Each structure stands twice: as structure tokens, then as C-alpha cells.
PDB file of all heavy atoms in Angstrom:
ATOM      1  N   ILE A   1     -10.243 -13.841 -22.336  1.00  0.00           N
ATOM      2  CA  ILE A   1     -11.305 -13.116 -23.038  1.00  0.00           C
ATOM      3  C   ILE A   1     -11.000 -13.022 -24.521  1.00  0.00           C
ATOM      4  O   ILE A   1     -11.907 -13.129 -25.394  1.00  0.00           O
ATOM      5  CB  ILE A   1     -11.506 -11.721 -22.374  1.00  0.00           C
ATOM      6  CG1 ILE A   1     -12.073 -11.923 -20.970  1.00  0.00           C
ATOM      7  CG2 ILE A   1     -12.424 -10.860 -23.254  1.00  0.00           C
ATOM      8  CD1 ILE A   1     -12.122 -10.621 -20.159  1.00  0.00           C
ATOM      9  N   LYS A   2      -9.757 -12.815 -24.873  1.00  0.00           N
ATOM     10  CA  LYS A   2      -9.383 -12.843 -26.306  1.00  0.00           C
ATOM     11  C   LYS A   2      -9.691 -14.163 -26.921  1.00  0.00           C
ATOM     12  O   LYS A   2     -10.134 -14.233 -28.062  1.00  0.00           O
ATOM     13  CB  LYS A   2      -7.877 -12.480 -26.437  1.00  0.00           C
ATOM     14  CG  LYS A   2      -7.536 -11.032 -26.262  1.00  0.00           C
ATOM     15  CD  LYS A   2      -6.052 -10.747 -26.505  1.00  0.00           C
ATOM     16  CE  LYS A   2      -5.716  -9.296 -26.406  1.00  0.00           C
ATOM     17  NZ  LYS A   2      -4.259  -9.047 -26.618  1.00  0.00           N
ATOM     18  N   TRP A   3      -9.391 -15.240 -26.225  1.00  0.00           N
ATOM     19  CA  TRP A   3      -9.656 -16.592 -26.700  1.00  0.00           C
ATOM     20  C   TRP A   3     -11.158 -16.757 -26.945  1.00  0.00           C
ATOM     21  O   TRP A   3     -11.604 -17.308 -27.974  1.00  0.00           O
ATOM     22  CB  TRP A   3      -9.178 -17.632 -25.737  1.00  0.00           C
ATOM     23  CG  TRP A   3      -9.308 -19.046 -26.231  1.00  0.00           C
ATOM     24  CD1 TRP A   3      -8.353 -19.771 -26.841  1.00  0.00           C
ATOM     25  CD2 TRP A   3     -10.510 -19.866 -26.197  1.00  0.00           C
ATOM     26  NE1 TRP A   3      -8.829 -21.046 -27.181  1.00  0.00           N
ATOM     27  CE2 TRP A   3     -10.161 -21.087 -26.785  1.00  0.00           C
ATOM     28  CE3 TRP A   3     -11.788 -19.697 -25.708  1.00  0.00           C
ATOM     29  CZ2 TRP A   3     -11.073 -22.127 -26.904  1.00  0.00           C
ATOM     30  CZ3 TRP A   3     -12.706 -20.723 -25.838  1.00  0.00           C
ATOM     31  CH2 TRP A   3     -12.363 -21.902 -26.429  1.00  0.00           C
ATOM     32  N   VAL A   4     -11.984 -16.305 -25.995  1.00  0.00           N
ATOM     33  CA  VAL A   4     -13.442 -16.368 -26.117  1.00  0.00           C
ATOM     34  C   VAL A   4     -13.896 -15.671 -27.367  1.00  0.00           C
ATOM     35  O   VAL A   4     -14.685 -16.215 -28.184  1.00  0.00           O
ATOM     36  CB  VAL A   4     -14.099 -15.767 -24.891  1.00  0.00           C
ATOM     37  CG1 VAL A   4     -15.606 -15.558 -25.130  1.00  0.00           C
ATOM     38  CG2 VAL A   4     -13.888 -16.678 -23.675  1.00  0.00           C
ATOM     39  N   ASN A   5     -13.441 -14.411 -27.585  1.00  0.00           N
ATOM     40  CA  ASN A   5     -13.890 -13.637 -28.751  1.00  0.00           C
ATOM     41  C   ASN A   5     -13.371 -14.226 -30.064  1.00  0.00           C
ATOM     42  O   ASN A   5     -14.036 -14.033 -31.107  1.00  0.00           O
ATOM     43  CB  ASN A   5     -13.367 -12.207 -28.600  1.00  0.00           C
ATOM     44  CG  ASN A   5     -14.033 -11.480 -27.442  1.00  0.00           C
ATOM     45  OD1 ASN A   5     -15.135 -11.824 -27.035  1.00  0.00           O
ATOM     46  ND2 ASN A   5     -13.296 -10.530 -26.830  1.00  0.00           N
ATOM     47  N   SER A   6     -12.240 -14.886 -30.080  1.00  0.00           N
ATOM     48  CA  SER A   6     -11.654 -15.426 -31.274  1.00  0.00           C
ATOM     49  C   SER A   6     -12.175 -16.790 -31.660  1.00  0.00           C
ATOM     50  O   SER A   6     -11.873 -17.305 -32.722  1.00  0.00           O
ATOM     51  CB  SER A   6     -10.121 -15.533 -31.134  1.00  0.00           C
ATOM     52  OG  SER A   6      -9.542 -14.247 -30.924  1.00  0.00           O
ATOM     53  N   ASN A   7     -12.953 -17.436 -30.765  1.00  0.00           N
ATOM     54  CA  ASN A   7     -13.427 -18.808 -30.996  1.00  0.00           C
ATOM     55  C   ASN A   7     -14.936 -18.891 -31.079  1.00  0.00           C
ATOM     56  O   ASN A   7     -15.494 -19.958 -30.820  1.00  0.00           O
ATOM     57  CB  ASN A   7     -12.888 -19.684 -29.927  1.00  0.00           C
ATOM     58  CG  ASN A   7     -11.407 -19.993 -30.089  1.00  0.00           C
ATOM     59  OD1 ASN A   7     -11.026 -20.968 -30.793  1.00  0.00           O
ATOM     60  ND2 ASN A   7     -10.555 -19.201 -29.516  1.00  0.00           N
ATOM     61  N   GLY A   8     -15.569 -17.813 -31.487  1.00  0.00           N
ATOM     62  CA  GLY A   8     -17.004 -17.862 -31.760  1.00  0.00           C
ATOM     63  C   GLY A   8     -17.891 -17.778 -30.544  1.00  0.00           C
ATOM     64  O   GLY A   8     -19.074 -18.172 -30.623  1.00  0.00           O
ATOM     65  N   TYR A   9     -17.371 -17.276 -29.397  1.00  0.00           N
ATOM     66  CA  TYR A   9     -18.198 -17.210 -28.199  1.00  0.00           C
ATOM     67  C   TYR A   9     -18.285 -15.740 -27.775  1.00  0.00           C
ATOM     68  O   TYR A   9     -17.522 -14.879 -28.212  1.00  0.00           O
ATOM     69  CB  TYR A   9     -17.575 -17.993 -27.038  1.00  0.00           C
ATOM     70  CG  TYR A   9     -17.602 -19.510 -27.277  1.00  0.00           C
ATOM     71  CD1 TYR A   9     -16.525 -20.169 -27.839  1.00  0.00           C
ATOM     72  CD2 TYR A   9     -18.713 -20.229 -26.903  1.00  0.00           C
ATOM     73  CE1 TYR A   9     -16.521 -21.548 -28.015  1.00  0.00           C
ATOM     74  CE2 TYR A   9     -18.752 -21.643 -27.079  1.00  0.00           C
ATOM     75  CZ  TYR A   9     -17.656 -22.262 -27.642  1.00  0.00           C
ATOM     76  OH  TYR A   9     -17.672 -23.626 -27.852  1.00  0.00           O
ATOM     77  N   GLU A  10     -19.209 -15.478 -26.871  1.00  0.00           N
ATOM     78  CA  GLU A  10     -19.310 -14.187 -26.217  1.00  0.00           C
ATOM     79  C   GLU A  10     -19.608 -14.404 -24.758  1.00  0.00           C
ATOM     80  O   GLU A  10     -20.195 -15.423 -24.351  1.00  0.00           O
ATOM     81  CB  GLU A  10     -20.365 -13.293 -26.840  1.00  0.00           C
ATOM     82  CG  GLU A  10     -21.738 -13.830 -26.816  1.00  0.00           C
ATOM     83  CD  GLU A  10     -22.719 -12.948 -27.573  1.00  0.00           C
ATOM     84  OE1 GLU A  10     -22.263 -11.933 -28.166  1.00  0.00           O
ATOM     85  OE2 GLU A  10     -23.939 -13.229 -27.581  1.00  0.00           O
ATOM     86  N   ILE A  11     -19.238 -13.473 -23.891  1.00  0.00           N
ATOM     87  CA  ILE A  11     -19.424 -13.580 -22.445  1.00  0.00           C
ATOM     88  C   ILE A  11     -20.939 -13.535 -22.121  1.00  0.00           C
ATOM     89  O   ILE A  11     -21.640 -12.694 -22.661  1.00  0.00           O
ATOM     90  CB  ILE A  11     -18.639 -12.527 -21.701  1.00  0.00           C
ATOM     91  CG1 ILE A  11     -17.122 -12.698 -21.942  1.00  0.00           C
ATOM     92  CG2 ILE A  11     -18.967 -12.531 -20.207  1.00  0.00           C
ATOM     93  CD1 ILE A  11     -16.292 -11.585 -21.349  1.00  0.00           C
ATOM     94  N   ASP A  12     -21.367 -14.399 -21.204  1.00  0.00           N
ATOM     95  CA  ASP A  12     -22.802 -14.523 -20.927  1.00  0.00           C
ATOM     96  C   ASP A  12     -23.090 -14.571 -19.458  1.00  0.00           C
ATOM     97  O   ASP A  12     -23.923 -15.355 -18.979  1.00  0.00           O
ATOM     98  CB  ASP A  12     -23.314 -15.825 -21.589  1.00  0.00           C
ATOM     99  CG  ASP A  12     -24.836 -15.914 -21.549  1.00  0.00           C
ATOM    100  OD1 ASP A  12     -25.494 -14.890 -21.646  1.00  0.00           O
ATOM    101  OD2 ASP A  12     -25.346 -17.025 -21.404  1.00  0.00           O
ATOM    102  N   GLY A  13     -22.399 -13.763 -18.668  1.00  0.00           N
ATOM    103  CA  GLY A  13     -22.656 -13.683 -17.241  1.00  0.00           C
ATOM    104  C   GLY A  13     -21.442 -13.251 -16.468  1.00  0.00           C
ATOM    105  O   GLY A  13     -20.345 -13.089 -17.019  1.00  0.00           O
ATOM    106  N   PRO A  14     -21.583 -13.078 -15.163  1.00  0.00           N
ATOM    107  CA  PRO A  14     -20.498 -12.623 -14.328  1.00  0.00           C
ATOM    108  C   PRO A  14     -19.355 -13.650 -14.254  1.00  0.00           C
ATOM    109  O   PRO A  14     -19.614 -14.838 -14.236  1.00  0.00           O
ATOM    110  CB  PRO A  14     -21.126 -12.450 -12.894  1.00  0.00           C
ATOM    111  CG  PRO A  14     -22.580 -12.363 -13.145  1.00  0.00           C
ATOM    112  CD  PRO A  14     -22.855 -13.186 -14.392  1.00  0.00           C
ATOM    113  N   ILE A  15     -18.151 -13.146 -14.227  1.00  0.00           N
ATOM    114  CA  ILE A  15     -16.972 -14.011 -14.203  1.00  0.00           C
ATOM    115  C   ILE A  15     -16.668 -14.439 -12.755  1.00  0.00           C
ATOM    116  O   ILE A  15     -16.857 -13.647 -11.826  1.00  0.00           O
ATOM    117  CB  ILE A  15     -15.734 -13.285 -14.827  1.00  0.00           C
ATOM    118  CG1 ILE A  15     -16.009 -12.970 -16.264  1.00  0.00           C
ATOM    119  CG2 ILE A  15     -14.478 -14.102 -14.674  1.00  0.00           C
ATOM    120  CD1 ILE A  15     -14.929 -12.157 -16.905  1.00  0.00           C
ATOM    121  N   ALA A  16     -16.287 -15.710 -12.615  1.00  0.00           N
ATOM    122  CA  ALA A  16     -16.013 -16.230 -11.270  1.00  0.00           C
ATOM    123  C   ALA A  16     -14.568 -16.708 -11.148  1.00  0.00           C
ATOM    124  O   ALA A  16     -13.950 -17.038 -12.180  1.00  0.00           O
ATOM    125  CB  ALA A  16     -16.963 -17.379 -10.934  1.00  0.00           C
ATOM    126  N   GLU A  17     -14.070 -16.756  -9.953  1.00  0.00           N
ATOM    127  CA  GLU A  17     -12.718 -17.305  -9.658  1.00  0.00           C
ATOM    128  C   GLU A  17     -12.901 -18.336  -8.554  1.00  0.00           C
ATOM    129  O   GLU A  17     -13.530 -18.097  -7.518  1.00  0.00           O
ATOM    130  CB  GLU A  17     -11.767 -16.214  -9.152  1.00  0.00           C
ATOM    131  CG  GLU A  17     -11.471 -15.134 -10.161  1.00  0.00           C
ATOM    132  CD  GLU A  17     -10.683 -13.968  -9.568  1.00  0.00           C
ATOM    133  OE1 GLU A  17     -10.375 -14.021  -8.377  1.00  0.00           O
ATOM    134  OE2 GLU A  17     -10.421 -13.022 -10.307  1.00  0.00           O
ATOM    135  N   GLU A  18     -12.362 -19.544  -8.784  1.00  0.00           N
ATOM    136  CA  GLU A  18     -12.314 -20.561  -7.765  1.00  0.00           C
ATOM    137  C   GLU A  18     -10.881 -20.688  -7.219  1.00  0.00           C
ATOM    138  O   GLU A  18      -9.962 -20.854  -8.054  1.00  0.00           O
ATOM    139  CB  GLU A  18     -12.813 -21.911  -8.247  1.00  0.00           C
ATOM    140  CG  GLU A  18     -14.308 -21.909  -8.531  1.00  0.00           C
ATOM    141  CD  GLU A  18     -14.830 -23.286  -8.938  1.00  0.00           C
ATOM    142  OE1 GLU A  18     -14.004 -24.232  -9.204  1.00  0.00           O
ATOM    143  OE2 GLU A  18     -16.068 -23.460  -9.001  1.00  0.00           O
ATOM    144  N   TYR A  19     -10.727 -20.673  -5.899  1.00  0.00           N
ATOM    145  CA  TYR A  19      -9.387 -20.643  -5.313  1.00  0.00           C
ATOM    146  C   TYR A  19      -8.923 -22.035  -4.953  1.00  0.00           C
ATOM    147  O   TYR A  19      -9.130 -22.529  -3.839  1.00  0.00           O
ATOM    148  CB  TYR A  19      -9.403 -19.678  -4.122  1.00  0.00           C
ATOM    149  CG  TYR A  19      -9.835 -18.301  -4.531  1.00  0.00           C
ATOM    150  CD1 TYR A  19     -11.154 -17.863  -4.319  1.00  0.00           C
ATOM    151  CD2 TYR A  19      -8.993 -17.477  -5.232  1.00  0.00           C
ATOM    152  CE1 TYR A  19     -11.548 -16.586  -4.761  1.00  0.00           C
ATOM    153  CE2 TYR A  19      -9.370 -16.182  -5.664  1.00  0.00           C
ATOM    154  CZ  TYR A  19     -10.649 -15.795  -5.411  1.00  0.00           C
ATOM    155  OH  TYR A  19     -11.081 -14.516  -5.868  1.00  0.00           O
ATOM    156  N   MET A  20      -8.280 -22.687  -5.955  1.00  0.00           N
ATOM    157  CA  MET A  20      -7.860 -24.098  -5.761  1.00  0.00           C
ATOM    158  C   MET A  20      -6.760 -24.154  -4.701  1.00  0.00           C
ATOM    159  O   MET A  20      -6.756 -25.070  -3.869  1.00  0.00           O
ATOM    160  CB  MET A  20      -7.333 -24.649  -7.112  1.00  0.00           C
ATOM    161  CG  MET A  20      -8.253 -24.313  -8.292  1.00  0.00           C
ATOM    162  SD  MET A  20      -9.943 -25.045  -8.081  1.00  0.00           S
ATOM    163  CE  MET A  20      -9.553 -26.805  -8.244  1.00  0.00           C
ATOM    164  N   VAL A  21      -5.795 -23.302  -4.760  1.00  0.00           N
ATOM    165  CA  VAL A  21      -4.761 -23.117  -3.770  1.00  0.00           C
ATOM    166  C   VAL A  21      -4.686 -21.613  -3.445  1.00  0.00           C
ATOM    167  O   VAL A  21      -4.441 -20.827  -4.333  1.00  0.00           O
ATOM    168  CB  VAL A  21      -3.408 -23.658  -4.177  1.00  0.00           C
ATOM    169  CG1 VAL A  21      -2.368 -23.502  -3.078  1.00  0.00           C
ATOM    170  CG2 VAL A  21      -3.514 -25.125  -4.604  1.00  0.00           C
ATOM    171  N   SER A  22      -4.868 -21.261  -2.206  1.00  0.00           N
ATOM    172  CA  SER A  22      -5.077 -19.839  -1.846  1.00  0.00           C
ATOM    173  C   SER A  22      -4.260 -19.456  -0.619  1.00  0.00           C
ATOM    174  O   SER A  22      -3.527 -20.324  -0.037  1.00  0.00           O
ATOM    175  CB  SER A  22      -6.587 -19.635  -1.532  1.00  0.00           C
ATOM    176  OG  SER A  22      -6.905 -20.254  -0.259  1.00  0.00           O
ATOM    177  N   PRO A  23      -4.372 -18.169  -0.178  1.00  0.00           N
ATOM    178  CA  PRO A  23      -3.676 -17.790   1.046  1.00  0.00           C
ATOM    179  C   PRO A  23      -4.036 -18.558   2.292  1.00  0.00           C
ATOM    180  O   PRO A  23      -3.277 -18.600   3.231  1.00  0.00           O
ATOM    181  CB  PRO A  23      -4.038 -16.314   1.192  1.00  0.00           C
ATOM    182  CG  PRO A  23      -4.417 -15.849  -0.194  1.00  0.00           C
ATOM    183  CD  PRO A  23      -5.065 -17.049  -0.802  1.00  0.00           C
ATOM    184  N   ILE A  24      -5.195 -19.180   2.262  1.00  0.00           N
ATOM    185  CA  ILE A  24      -5.603 -19.986   3.428  1.00  0.00           C
ATOM    186  C   ILE A  24      -4.721 -21.270   3.466  1.00  0.00           C
ATOM    187  O   ILE A  24      -4.472 -21.823   4.535  1.00  0.00           O
ATOM    188  CB  ILE A  24      -7.098 -20.347   3.341  1.00  0.00           C
ATOM    189  CG1 ILE A  24      -7.912 -19.077   3.594  1.00  0.00           C
ATOM    190  CG2 ILE A  24      -7.463 -21.426   4.343  1.00  0.00           C
ATOM    191  CD1 ILE A  24      -9.382 -19.332   3.531  1.00  0.00           C
ATOM    192  N   ASP A  25      -4.278 -21.733   2.298  1.00  0.00           N
ATOM    193  CA  ASP A  25      -3.561 -23.030   2.210  1.00  0.00           C
ATOM    194  C   ASP A  25      -2.046 -22.823   2.303  1.00  0.00           C
ATOM    195  O   ASP A  25      -1.367 -23.597   2.985  1.00  0.00           O
ATOM    196  CB  ASP A  25      -3.907 -23.685   0.903  1.00  0.00           C
ATOM    197  CG  ASP A  25      -5.373 -23.831   0.699  1.00  0.00           C
ATOM    198  OD1 ASP A  25      -6.032 -24.450   1.535  1.00  0.00           O
ATOM    199  OD2 ASP A  25      -5.894 -23.323  -0.350  1.00  0.00           O
ATOM    200  N   LEU A  26      -1.529 -21.780   1.664  1.00  0.00           N
ATOM    201  CA  LEU A  26      -0.078 -21.582   1.582  1.00  0.00           C
ATOM    202  C   LEU A  26       0.264 -20.111   1.703  1.00  0.00           C
ATOM    203  O   LEU A  26      -0.572 -19.224   1.331  1.00  0.00           O
ATOM    204  CB  LEU A  26       0.484 -22.111   0.229  1.00  0.00           C
ATOM    205  CG  LEU A  26       0.312 -23.617  -0.052  1.00  0.00           C
ATOM    206  CD1 LEU A  26       0.704 -23.895  -1.492  1.00  0.00           C
ATOM    207  CD2 LEU A  26       1.154 -24.446   0.887  1.00  0.00           C
ATOM    208  N   LYS A  27       1.424 -19.794   2.202  1.00  0.00           N
ATOM    209  CA  LYS A  27       1.863 -18.389   2.335  1.00  0.00           C
ATOM    210  C   LYS A  27       2.560 -17.901   1.074  1.00  0.00           C
ATOM    211  O   LYS A  27       2.517 -16.705   0.784  1.00  0.00           O
ATOM    212  CB  LYS A  27       2.806 -18.255   3.520  1.00  0.00           C
ATOM    213  CG  LYS A  27       2.133 -18.479   4.886  1.00  0.00           C
ATOM    214  CD  LYS A  27       3.103 -18.238   6.014  1.00  0.00           C
ATOM    215  CE  LYS A  27       2.445 -18.435   7.367  1.00  0.00           C
ATOM    216  NZ  LYS A  27       3.397 -18.245   8.495  1.00  0.00           N
ATOM    217  N   ASN A  28       3.175 -18.820   0.323  1.00  0.00           N
ATOM    218  CA  ASN A  28       3.901 -18.386  -0.876  1.00  0.00           C
ATOM    219  C   ASN A  28       2.995 -18.158  -2.030  1.00  0.00           C
ATOM    220  O   ASN A  28       2.411 -19.082  -2.572  1.00  0.00           O
ATOM    221  CB  ASN A  28       4.935 -19.483  -1.211  1.00  0.00           C
ATOM    222  CG  ASN A  28       5.851 -19.078  -2.364  1.00  0.00           C
ATOM    223  OD1 ASN A  28       5.686 -18.012  -2.962  1.00  0.00           O
ATOM    224  ND2 ASN A  28       6.802 -19.911  -2.677  1.00  0.00           N
ATOM    225  N   ASP A  29       2.797 -16.881  -2.423  1.00  0.00           N
ATOM    226  CA  ASP A  29       1.809 -16.606  -3.486  1.00  0.00           C
ATOM    227  C   ASP A  29       2.245 -17.139  -4.883  1.00  0.00           C
ATOM    228  O   ASP A  29       1.427 -17.218  -5.781  1.00  0.00           O
ATOM    229  CB  ASP A  29       1.472 -15.097  -3.573  1.00  0.00           C
ATOM    230  CG  ASP A  29       2.682 -14.240  -3.813  1.00  0.00           C
ATOM    231  OD1 ASP A  29       3.794 -14.785  -4.072  1.00  0.00           O
ATOM    232  OD2 ASP A  29       2.550 -13.003  -3.828  1.00  0.00           O
ATOM    233  N   ASP A  30       3.501 -17.507  -5.025  1.00  0.00           N
ATOM    234  CA  ASP A  30       3.929 -18.107  -6.283  1.00  0.00           C
ATOM    235  C   ASP A  30       3.258 -19.463  -6.502  1.00  0.00           C
ATOM    236  O   ASP A  30       3.195 -19.948  -7.611  1.00  0.00           O
ATOM    237  CB  ASP A  30       5.424 -18.261  -6.319  1.00  0.00           C
ATOM    238  CG  ASP A  30       6.191 -16.948  -6.393  1.00  0.00           C
ATOM    239  OD1 ASP A  30       5.589 -15.995  -6.891  1.00  0.00           O
ATOM    240  OD2 ASP A  30       7.342 -16.902  -5.984  1.00  0.00           O
ATOM    241  N   GLN A  31       2.746 -20.043  -5.408  1.00  0.00           N
ATOM    242  CA  GLN A  31       2.146 -21.362  -5.520  1.00  0.00           C
ATOM    243  C   GLN A  31       0.645 -21.355  -5.540  1.00  0.00           C
ATOM    244  O   GLN A  31       0.001 -22.393  -5.552  1.00  0.00           O
ATOM    245  CB  GLN A  31       2.620 -22.221  -4.325  1.00  0.00           C
ATOM    246  CG  GLN A  31       4.118 -22.513  -4.281  1.00  0.00           C
ATOM    247  CD  GLN A  31       4.554 -23.286  -3.121  1.00  0.00           C
ATOM    248  OE1 GLN A  31       4.198 -22.973  -1.967  1.00  0.00           O
ATOM    249  NE2 GLN A  31       5.293 -24.337  -3.332  1.00  0.00           N
TER     250      GLN A  31
END
């Protein structure tokens, strides 16, 4: 968000997360 504000942008909608590797895939949360 700091990067967005410092580079001439502003937030324009709800934030999303995509789970590329998740608890469904691996047990080790470090990964």
C-alpha cells in the first residue's frame, strides 16, 4: 500500500488474495 501511494496510484476496489501454495497443498506454513 505504501508503494501504491508513493507511485502515483490509489486503491480502487476490494483487495484480493490468491493462494498459490496453501494449507491444502502443504502443511509447512513457511512454504
